[in-house]
mmCIF file of all heavy atoms, coordinates in Angstrom:
data_MODEL
# 
_entry.id   MODEL 
# 
loop_
_atom_site.group_PDB 
_atom_site.id 
_atom_site.type_symbol 
_atom_site.label_atom_id 
_atom_site.label_alt_id 
_atom_site.label_comp_id 
_atom_site.label_asym_id 
_atom_site.label_entity_id 
_atom_site.label_seq_id 
_atom_site.pdbx_PDB_ins_code 
_atom_site.Cartn_x 
_atom_site.Cartn_y 
_atom_site.Cartn_z 
_atom_site.occupancy 
_atom_site.B_iso_or_equiv 
_atom_site.pdbx_formal_charge 
_atom_site.auth_seq_id 
_atom_site.auth_comp_id 
_atom_site.auth_asym_id 
_atom_site.auth_atom_id 
_atom_site.pdbx_PDB_model_num 
ATOM 1   N N   . THR A 1 1  ? -10.151 4.011  -18.487 1.00 0.00 ? 1  THR A N   1 
ATOM 2   C CA  . THR A 1 1  ? -8.741  3.818  -18.239 1.00 0.00 ? 1  THR A CA  1 
ATOM 3   C C   . THR A 1 1  ? -8.433  4.174  -16.800 1.00 0.00 ? 1  THR A C   1 
ATOM 4   O O   . THR A 1 1  ? -8.715  5.270  -16.352 1.00 0.00 ? 1  THR A O   1 
ATOM 5   C CB  . THR A 1 1  ? -7.890  4.686  -19.178 1.00 0.00 ? 1  THR A CB  1 
ATOM 6   O OG1 . THR A 1 1  ? -8.210  4.328  -20.521 1.00 0.00 ? 1  THR A OG1 1 
ATOM 7   C CG2 . THR A 1 1  ? -6.405  4.464  -18.933 1.00 0.00 ? 1  THR A CG2 1 
ATOM 8   N N   . LEU A 1 2  ? -7.881  3.203  -16.088 1.00 0.00 ? 2  LEU A N   1 
ATOM 9   C CA  . LEU A 1 2  ? -7.497  3.399  -14.705 1.00 0.00 ? 2  LEU A CA  1 
ATOM 10  C C   . LEU A 1 2  ? -5.990  3.369  -14.617 1.00 0.00 ? 2  LEU A C   1 
ATOM 11  O O   . LEU A 1 2  ? -5.351  2.555  -15.271 1.00 0.00 ? 2  LEU A O   1 
ATOM 12  C CB  . LEU A 1 2  ? -8.057  2.265  -13.819 1.00 0.00 ? 2  LEU A CB  1 
ATOM 13  C CG  . LEU A 1 2  ? -9.560  2.024  -13.860 1.00 0.00 ? 2  LEU A CG  1 
ATOM 14  C CD1 . LEU A 1 2  ? -9.874  0.747  -13.119 1.00 0.00 ? 2  LEU A CD1 1 
ATOM 15  C CD2 . LEU A 1 2  ? -10.298 3.184  -13.238 1.00 0.00 ? 2  LEU A CD2 1 
ATOM 16  N N   . LEU A 1 3  ? -5.421  4.225  -13.837 1.00 0.00 ? 3  LEU A N   1 
ATOM 17  C CA  . LEU A 1 3  ? -3.994  4.154  -13.573 1.00 0.00 ? 3  LEU A CA  1 
ATOM 18  C C   . LEU A 1 3  ? -3.796  3.428  -12.260 1.00 0.00 ? 3  LEU A C   1 
ATOM 19  O O   . LEU A 1 3  ? -4.282  3.856  -11.222 1.00 0.00 ? 3  LEU A O   1 
ATOM 20  C CB  . LEU A 1 3  ? -3.372  5.542  -13.523 1.00 0.00 ? 3  LEU A CB  1 
ATOM 21  C CG  . LEU A 1 3  ? -3.154  6.206  -14.885 1.00 0.00 ? 3  LEU A CG  1 
ATOM 22  C CD1 . LEU A 1 3  ? -2.521  7.579  -14.685 1.00 0.00 ? 3  LEU A CD1 1 
ATOM 23  C CD2 . LEU A 1 3  ? -2.282  5.344  -15.776 1.00 0.00 ? 3  LEU A CD2 1 
ATOM 24  N N   . VAL A 1 4  ? -3.096  2.300  -12.323 1.00 0.00 ? 4  VAL A N   1 
ATOM 25  C CA  . VAL A 1 4  ? -2.870  1.477  -11.156 1.00 0.00 ? 4  VAL A CA  1 
ATOM 26  C C   . VAL A 1 4  ? -1.574  1.906  -10.487 1.00 0.00 ? 4  VAL A C   1 
ATOM 27  O O   . VAL A 1 4  ? -0.527  1.940  -11.121 1.00 0.00 ? 4  VAL A O   1 
ATOM 28  C CB  . VAL A 1 4  ? -2.779  -0.005 -11.565 1.00 0.00 ? 4  VAL A CB  1 
ATOM 29  C CG1 . VAL A 1 4  ? -2.516  -0.868 -10.353 1.00 0.00 ? 4  VAL A CG1 1 
ATOM 30  C CG2 . VAL A 1 4  ? -4.053  -0.436 -12.269 1.00 0.00 ? 4  VAL A CG2 1 
ATOM 31  N N   . SER A 1 5  ? -1.641  2.243  -9.232  1.00 0.00 ? 5  SER A N   1 
ATOM 32  C CA  . SER A 1 5  ? -0.439  2.629  -8.514  1.00 0.00 ? 5  SER A CA  1 
ATOM 33  C C   . SER A 1 5  ? 0.420   1.402  -8.263  1.00 0.00 ? 5  SER A C   1 
ATOM 34  O O   . SER A 1 5  ? -0.070  0.373  -7.804  1.00 0.00 ? 5  SER A O   1 
ATOM 35  C CB  . SER A 1 5  ? -0.796  3.273  -7.169  1.00 0.00 ? 5  SER A CB  1 
ATOM 36  O OG  . SER A 1 5  ? -1.520  4.468  -7.378  1.00 0.00 ? 5  SER A OG  1 
ATOM 37  N N   . VAL A 1 6  ? 1.697   1.510  -8.585  1.00 0.00 ? 6  VAL A N   1 
ATOM 38  C CA  . VAL A 1 6  ? 2.615   0.396  -8.469  1.00 0.00 ? 6  VAL A CA  1 
ATOM 39  C C   . VAL A 1 6  ? 3.700   0.734  -7.468  1.00 0.00 ? 6  VAL A C   1 
ATOM 40  O O   . VAL A 1 6  ? 4.333   1.776  -7.568  1.00 0.00 ? 6  VAL A O   1 
ATOM 41  C CB  . VAL A 1 6  ? 3.258   0.064  -9.830  1.00 0.00 ? 6  VAL A CB  1 
ATOM 42  C CG1 . VAL A 1 6  ? 4.319   -1.008 -9.673  1.00 0.00 ? 6  VAL A CG1 1 
ATOM 43  C CG2 . VAL A 1 6  ? 2.202   -0.386 -10.820 1.00 0.00 ? 6  VAL A CG2 1 
ATOM 44  N N   . SER A 1 7  ? 3.901   -0.138 -6.507  1.00 0.00 ? 7  SER A N   1 
ATOM 45  C CA  . SER A 1 7  ? 5.045   -0.016 -5.624  1.00 0.00 ? 7  SER A CA  1 
ATOM 46  C C   . SER A 1 7  ? 6.139   -0.899 -6.184  1.00 0.00 ? 7  SER A C   1 
ATOM 47  O O   . SER A 1 7  ? 6.055   -2.126 -6.109  1.00 0.00 ? 7  SER A O   1 
ATOM 48  C CB  . SER A 1 7  ? 4.681   -0.455 -4.197  1.00 0.00 ? 7  SER A CB  1 
ATOM 49  O OG  . SER A 1 7  ? 3.667   0.378  -3.673  1.00 0.00 ? 7  SER A OG  1 
ATOM 50  N N   . ALA A 1 8  ? 7.134   -0.319 -6.789  1.00 0.00 ? 8  ALA A N   1 
ATOM 51  C CA  . ALA A 1 8  ? 8.184   -1.089 -7.444  1.00 0.00 ? 8  ALA A CA  1 
ATOM 52  C C   . ALA A 1 8  ? 9.021   -1.821 -6.415  1.00 0.00 ? 8  ALA A C   1 
ATOM 53  O O   . ALA A 1 8  ? 9.358   -1.284 -5.370  1.00 0.00 ? 8  ALA A O   1 
ATOM 54  C CB  . ALA A 1 8  ? 9.071   -0.155 -8.264  1.00 0.00 ? 8  ALA A CB  1 
ATOM 55  N N   . THR A 1 9  ? 9.352   -3.096 -6.717  1.00 0.00 ? 9  THR A N   1 
ATOM 56  C CA  . THR A 1 9  ? 10.242  -3.848 -5.856  1.00 0.00 ? 9  THR A CA  1 
ATOM 57  C C   . THR A 1 9  ? 11.652  -3.322 -6.020  1.00 0.00 ? 9  THR A C   1 
ATOM 58  O O   . THR A 1 9  ? 11.972  -2.613 -6.971  1.00 0.00 ? 9  THR A O   1 
ATOM 59  C CB  . THR A 1 9  ? 10.198  -5.343 -6.212  1.00 0.00 ? 9  THR A CB  1 
ATOM 60  O OG1 . THR A 1 9  ? 10.591  -5.490 -7.578  1.00 0.00 ? 9  THR A OG1 1 
ATOM 61  C CG2 . THR A 1 9  ? 8.815   -5.911 -6.013  1.00 0.00 ? 9  THR A CG2 1 
ATOM 62  N N   . THR A 1 10 ? 12.509  -3.664 -5.098  1.00 0.00 ? 10 THR A N   1 
ATOM 63  C CA  . THR A 1 10 ? 13.892  -3.208 -5.160  1.00 0.00 ? 10 THR A CA  1 
ATOM 64  C C   . THR A 1 10 ? 14.537  -3.664 -6.462  1.00 0.00 ? 10 THR A C   1 
ATOM 65  O O   . THR A 1 10 ? 14.504  -4.845 -6.812  1.00 0.00 ? 10 THR A O   1 
ATOM 66  C CB  . THR A 1 10 ? 14.687  -3.754 -3.962  1.00 0.00 ? 10 THR A CB  1 
ATOM 67  O OG1 . THR A 1 10 ? 14.059  -3.315 -2.766  1.00 0.00 ? 10 THR A OG1 1 
ATOM 68  C CG2 . THR A 1 10 ? 16.121  -3.267 -4.003  1.00 0.00 ? 10 THR A CG2 1 
ATOM 69  N N   . GLY A 1 11 ? 15.104  -2.732 -7.187  1.00 0.00 ? 11 GLY A N   1 
ATOM 70  C CA  . GLY A 1 11 ? 15.747  -3.083 -8.449  1.00 0.00 ? 11 GLY A CA  1 
ATOM 71  C C   . GLY A 1 11 ? 14.773  -3.272 -9.585  1.00 0.00 ? 11 GLY A C   1 
ATOM 72  O O   . GLY A 1 11 ? 15.160  -3.709 -10.659 1.00 0.00 ? 11 GLY A O   1 
ATOM 73  N N   . ASP A 1 12 ? 13.508  -2.968 -9.387  1.00 0.00 ? 12 ASP A N   1 
ATOM 74  C CA  . ASP A 1 12 ? 12.496  -3.153 -10.425 1.00 0.00 ? 12 ASP A CA  1 
ATOM 75  C C   . ASP A 1 12 ? 12.696  -2.111 -11.526 1.00 0.00 ? 12 ASP A C   1 
ATOM 76  O O   . ASP A 1 12 ? 12.753  -0.916 -11.260 1.00 0.00 ? 12 ASP A O   1 
ATOM 77  C CB  . ASP A 1 12 ? 11.106  -2.997 -9.801  1.00 0.00 ? 12 ASP A CB  1 
ATOM 78  C CG  . ASP A 1 12 ? 9.997   -3.502 -10.702 1.00 0.00 ? 12 ASP A CG  1 
ATOM 79  O OD1 . ASP A 1 12 ? 10.259  -3.713 -11.892 1.00 0.00 ? 12 ASP A OD1 1 
ATOM 80  O OD2 . ASP A 1 12 ? 8.882   -3.684 -10.191 1.00 0.00 ? 12 ASP A OD2 1 
ATOM 81  N N   . CYS A 1 13 ? 12.787  -2.599 -12.779 1.00 0.00 ? 13 CYS A N   1 
ATOM 82  C CA  . CYS A 1 13 ? 12.959  -1.670 -13.887 1.00 0.00 ? 13 CYS A CA  1 
ATOM 83  C C   . CYS A 1 13 ? 11.645  -0.983 -14.234 1.00 0.00 ? 13 CYS A C   1 
ATOM 84  O O   . CYS A 1 13 ? 11.611  -0.077 -15.055 1.00 0.00 ? 13 CYS A O   1 
ATOM 85  C CB  . CYS A 1 13 ? 13.512  -2.396 -15.109 1.00 0.00 ? 13 CYS A CB  1 
ATOM 86  S SG  . CYS A 1 13 ? 12.423  -3.673 -15.752 1.00 0.00 ? 13 CYS A SG  1 
ATOM 87  N N   . PHE A 1 14 ? 10.539  -1.413 -13.618 1.00 0.00 ? 14 PHE A N   1 
ATOM 88  C CA  . PHE A 1 14 ? 9.224   -0.844 -13.895 1.00 0.00 ? 14 PHE A CA  1 
ATOM 89  C C   . PHE A 1 14 ? 8.824   0.042  -12.717 1.00 0.00 ? 14 PHE A C   1 
ATOM 90  O O   . PHE A 1 14 ? 8.151   -0.402 -11.797 1.00 0.00 ? 14 PHE A O   1 
ATOM 91  C CB  . PHE A 1 14 ? 8.189   -1.954 -14.069 1.00 0.00 ? 14 PHE A CB  1 
ATOM 92  C CG  . PHE A 1 14 ? 8.243   -2.652 -15.391 1.00 0.00 ? 14 PHE A CG  1 
ATOM 93  C CD1 . PHE A 1 14 ? 9.454   -2.955 -15.993 1.00 0.00 ? 14 PHE A CD1 1 
ATOM 94  C CD2 . PHE A 1 14 ? 7.096   -3.007 -16.052 1.00 0.00 ? 14 PHE A CD2 1 
ATOM 95  C CE1 . PHE A 1 14 ? 9.505   -3.604 -17.204 1.00 0.00 ? 14 PHE A CE1 1 
ATOM 96  C CE2 . PHE A 1 14 ? 7.132   -3.665 -17.270 1.00 0.00 ? 14 PHE A CE2 1 
ATOM 97  C CZ  . PHE A 1 14 ? 8.336   -3.959 -17.850 1.00 0.00 ? 14 PHE A CZ  1 
ATOM 98  N N   . ALA A 1 15 ? 9.241   1.278  -12.735 1.00 0.00 ? 15 ALA A N   1 
ATOM 99  C CA  . ALA A 1 15 ? 8.881   2.198  -11.661 1.00 0.00 ? 15 ALA A CA  1 
ATOM 100 C C   . ALA A 1 15 ? 7.685   3.041  -12.058 1.00 0.00 ? 15 ALA A C   1 
ATOM 101 O O   . ALA A 1 15 ? 7.417   4.062  -11.453 1.00 0.00 ? 15 ALA A O   1 
ATOM 102 C CB  . ALA A 1 15 ? 10.068  3.087  -11.329 1.00 0.00 ? 15 ALA A CB  1 
ATOM 103 N N   . THR A 1 16 ? 6.971   2.611  -13.085 1.00 0.00 ? 16 THR A N   1 
ATOM 104 C CA  . THR A 1 16 ? 5.790   3.326  -13.538 1.00 0.00 ? 16 THR A CA  1 
ATOM 105 C C   . THR A 1 16 ? 4.578   2.418  -13.459 1.00 0.00 ? 16 THR A C   1 
ATOM 106 O O   . THR A 1 16 ? 4.687   1.231  -13.178 1.00 0.00 ? 16 THR A O   1 
ATOM 107 C CB  . THR A 1 16 ? 5.979   3.813  -14.986 1.00 0.00 ? 16 THR A CB  1 
ATOM 108 O OG1 . THR A 1 16 ? 6.313   2.685  -15.817 1.00 0.00 ? 16 THR A OG1 1 
ATOM 109 C CG2 . THR A 1 16 ? 7.097   4.834  -15.070 1.00 0.00 ? 16 THR A CG2 1 
ATOM 110 N N   . SER A 1 17 ? 3.416   2.977  -13.732 1.00 0.00 ? 17 SER A N   1 
ATOM 111 C CA  . SER A 1 17 ? 2.162   2.253  -13.592 1.00 0.00 ? 17 SER A CA  1 
ATOM 112 C C   . SER A 1 17 ? 1.776   1.519  -14.872 1.00 0.00 ? 17 SER A C   1 
ATOM 113 O O   . SER A 1 17 ? 2.154   1.918  -15.972 1.00 0.00 ? 17 SER A O   1 
ATOM 114 C CB  . SER A 1 17 ? 1.044   3.232  -13.219 1.00 0.00 ? 17 SER A CB  1 
ATOM 115 O OG  . SER A 1 17 ? 1.319   3.872  -12.010 1.00 0.00 ? 17 SER A OG  1 
ATOM 116 N N   . TRP A 1 18 ? 1.025   0.447  -14.693 1.00 0.00 ? 18 TRP A N   1 
ATOM 117 C CA  . TRP A 1 18 ? 0.350   -0.227 -15.790 1.00 0.00 ? 18 TRP A CA  1 
ATOM 118 C C   . TRP A 1 18 ? -1.040  0.395  -15.920 1.00 0.00 ? 18 TRP A C   1 
ATOM 119 O O   . TRP A 1 18 ? -1.826  0.358  -14.966 1.00 0.00 ? 18 TRP A O   1 
ATOM 120 C CB  . TRP A 1 18 ? 0.220   -1.718 -15.509 1.00 0.00 ? 18 TRP A CB  1 
ATOM 121 C CG  . TRP A 1 18 ? 1.491   -2.509 -15.527 1.00 0.00 ? 18 TRP A CG  1 
ATOM 122 C CD1 . TRP A 1 18 ? 2.555   -2.393 -14.688 1.00 0.00 ? 18 TRP A CD1 1 
ATOM 123 C CD2 . TRP A 1 18 ? 1.805   -3.579 -16.426 1.00 0.00 ? 18 TRP A CD2 1 
ATOM 124 N NE1 . TRP A 1 18 ? 3.517   -3.309 -15.004 1.00 0.00 ? 18 TRP A NE1 1 
ATOM 125 C CE2 . TRP A 1 18 ? 3.083   -4.061 -16.072 1.00 0.00 ? 18 TRP A CE2 1 
ATOM 126 C CE3 . TRP A 1 18 ? 1.137   -4.181 -17.494 1.00 0.00 ? 18 TRP A CE3 1 
ATOM 127 C CZ2 . TRP A 1 18 ? 3.704   -5.106 -16.747 1.00 0.00 ? 18 TRP A CZ2 1 
ATOM 128 C CZ3 . TRP A 1 18 ? 1.747   -5.230 -18.168 1.00 0.00 ? 18 TRP A CZ3 1 
ATOM 129 C CH2 . TRP A 1 18 ? 3.015   -5.675 -17.805 1.00 0.00 ? 18 TRP A CH2 1 
ATOM 130 N N   . ALA A 1 19 ? -1.368  0.933  -17.068 1.00 0.00 ? 19 ALA A N   1 
ATOM 131 C CA  . ALA A 1 19 ? -2.713  1.469  -17.289 1.00 0.00 ? 19 ALA A CA  1 
ATOM 132 C C   . ALA A 1 19 ? -3.680  0.321  -17.542 1.00 0.00 ? 19 ALA A C   1 
ATOM 133 O O   . ALA A 1 19 ? -3.387  -0.600 -18.303 1.00 0.00 ? 19 ALA A O   1 
ATOM 134 C CB  . ALA A 1 19 ? -2.716  2.421  -18.477 1.00 0.00 ? 19 ALA A CB  1 
ATOM 135 N N   . CYS A 1 20 ? -4.826  0.367  -16.886 1.00 0.00 ? 20 CYS A N   1 
ATOM 136 C CA  . CYS A 1 20 ? -5.852  -0.666 -17.053 1.00 0.00 ? 20 CYS A CA  1 
ATOM 137 C C   . CYS A 1 20 ? -6.962  -0.130 -17.944 1.00 0.00 ? 20 CYS A C   1 
ATOM 138 O O   . CYS A 1 20 ? -7.640  0.840  -17.598 1.00 0.00 ? 20 CYS A O   1 
ATOM 139 C CB  . CYS A 1 20 ? -6.418  -1.073 -15.695 1.00 0.00 ? 20 CYS A CB  1 
ATOM 140 S SG  . CYS A 1 20 ? -7.761  -2.268 -15.800 1.00 0.00 ? 20 CYS A SG  1 
ATOM 141 N N   . HIS A 1 21 ? -7.167  -0.776 -19.096 1.00 0.00 ? 21 HIS A N   1 
ATOM 142 C CA  . HIS A 1 21 ? -8.205  -0.370 -20.042 1.00 0.00 ? 21 HIS A CA  1 
ATOM 143 C C   . HIS A 1 21 ? -9.369  -1.354 -19.942 1.00 0.00 ? 21 HIS A C   1 
ATOM 144 O O   . HIS A 1 21 ? -9.201  -2.551 -20.187 1.00 0.00 ? 21 HIS A O   1 
ATOM 145 C CB  . HIS A 1 21 ? -7.658  -0.373 -21.468 1.00 0.00 ? 21 HIS A CB  1 
ATOM 146 C CG  . HIS A 1 21 ? -6.456  0.505  -21.656 1.00 0.00 ? 21 HIS A CG  1 
ATOM 147 N ND1 . HIS A 1 21 ? -6.525  1.864  -21.845 1.00 0.00 ? 21 HIS A ND1 1 
ATOM 148 C CD2 . HIS A 1 21 ? -5.138  0.198  -21.667 1.00 0.00 ? 21 HIS A CD2 1 
ATOM 149 C CE1 . HIS A 1 21 ? -5.321  2.360  -21.982 1.00 0.00 ? 21 HIS A CE1 1 
ATOM 150 N NE2 . HIS A 1 21 ? -4.455  1.370  -21.875 1.00 0.00 ? 21 HIS A NE2 1 
ATOM 151 N N   . VAL A 1 22 ? -10.525 -0.854 -19.580 1.00 0.00 ? 22 VAL A N   1 
ATOM 152 C CA  . VAL A 1 22 ? -11.702 -1.705 -19.439 1.00 0.00 ? 22 VAL A CA  1 
ATOM 153 C C   . VAL A 1 22 ? -12.442 -1.757 -20.767 1.00 0.00 ? 22 VAL A C   1 
ATOM 154 O O   . VAL A 1 22 ? -13.013 -0.765 -21.218 1.00 0.00 ? 22 VAL A O   1 
ATOM 155 C CB  . VAL A 1 22 ? -12.624 -1.189 -18.318 1.00 0.00 ? 22 VAL A CB  1 
ATOM 156 C CG1 . VAL A 1 22 ? -13.845 -2.086 -18.187 1.00 0.00 ? 22 VAL A CG1 1 
ATOM 157 C CG2 . VAL A 1 22 ? -11.869 -1.139 -17.000 1.00 0.00 ? 22 VAL A CG2 1 
ATOM 158 N N   . ILE A 1 23 ? -12.420 -2.898 -21.398 1.00 0.00 ? 23 ILE A N   1 
ATOM 159 C CA  . ILE A 1 23 ? -13.067 -3.074 -22.695 1.00 0.00 ? 23 ILE A CA  1 
ATOM 160 C C   . ILE A 1 23 ? -14.581 -3.151 -22.543 1.00 0.00 ? 23 ILE A C   1 
ATOM 161 O O   . ILE A 1 23 ? -15.335 -2.589 -23.334 1.00 0.00 ? 23 ILE A O   1 
ATOM 162 C CB  . ILE A 1 23 ? -12.534 -4.343 -23.388 1.00 0.00 ? 23 ILE A CB  1 
ATOM 163 C CG1 . ILE A 1 23 ? -11.045 -4.168 -23.714 1.00 0.00 ? 23 ILE A CG1 1 
ATOM 164 C CG2 . ILE A 1 23 ? -13.327 -4.666 -24.651 1.00 0.00 ? 23 ILE A CG2 1 
ATOM 165 C CD1 . ILE A 1 23 ? -10.379 -5.443 -24.208 1.00 0.00 ? 23 ILE A CD1 1 
ATOM 166 N N   . ASP A 1 24 ? -15.041 -3.857 -21.501 1.00 0.00 ? 24 ASP A N   1 
ATOM 167 C CA  . ASP A 1 24 ? -16.485 -3.989 -21.265 1.00 0.00 ? 24 ASP A CA  1 
ATOM 168 C C   . ASP A 1 24 ? -16.722 -4.287 -19.801 1.00 0.00 ? 24 ASP A C   1 
ATOM 169 O O   . ASP A 1 24 ? -16.186 -5.265 -19.268 1.00 0.00 ? 24 ASP A O   1 
ATOM 170 C CB  . ASP A 1 24 ? -17.060 -5.105 -22.138 1.00 0.00 ? 24 ASP A CB  1 
ATOM 171 C CG  . ASP A 1 24 ? -18.576 -5.264 -21.981 1.00 0.00 ? 24 ASP A CG  1 
ATOM 172 O OD1 . ASP A 1 24 ? -19.211 -4.375 -21.385 1.00 0.00 ? 24 ASP A OD1 1 
ATOM 173 O OD2 . ASP A 1 24 ? -19.115 -6.276 -22.461 1.00 0.00 ? 24 ASP A OD2 1 
ATOM 174 N N   . ASP A 1 25 ? -17.530 -3.478 -19.152 1.00 0.00 ? 25 ASP A N   1 
ATOM 175 C CA  . ASP A 1 25 ? -17.941 -3.753 -17.777 1.00 0.00 ? 25 ASP A CA  1 
ATOM 176 C C   . ASP A 1 25 ? -19.459 -3.637 -17.636 1.00 0.00 ? 25 ASP A C   1 
ATOM 177 O O   . ASP A 1 25 ? -19.975 -3.382 -16.557 1.00 0.00 ? 25 ASP A O   1 
ATOM 178 C CB  . ASP A 1 25 ? -17.244 -2.813 -16.795 1.00 0.00 ? 25 ASP A CB  1 
ATOM 179 C CG  . ASP A 1 25 ? -17.619 -1.347 -16.999 1.00 0.00 ? 25 ASP A CG  1 
ATOM 180 O OD1 . ASP A 1 25 ? -18.329 -1.041 -17.983 1.00 0.00 ? 25 ASP A OD1 1 
ATOM 181 O OD2 . ASP A 1 25 ? -17.201 -0.507 -16.183 1.00 0.00 ? 25 ASP A OD2 1 
# 
């Protein structure tokens, strides 16, 4: 699980990160 840093755009309701889950690498 990686936490992706997100720079929210102006007015973006998503000021948090999307977690990336690697099923198979």
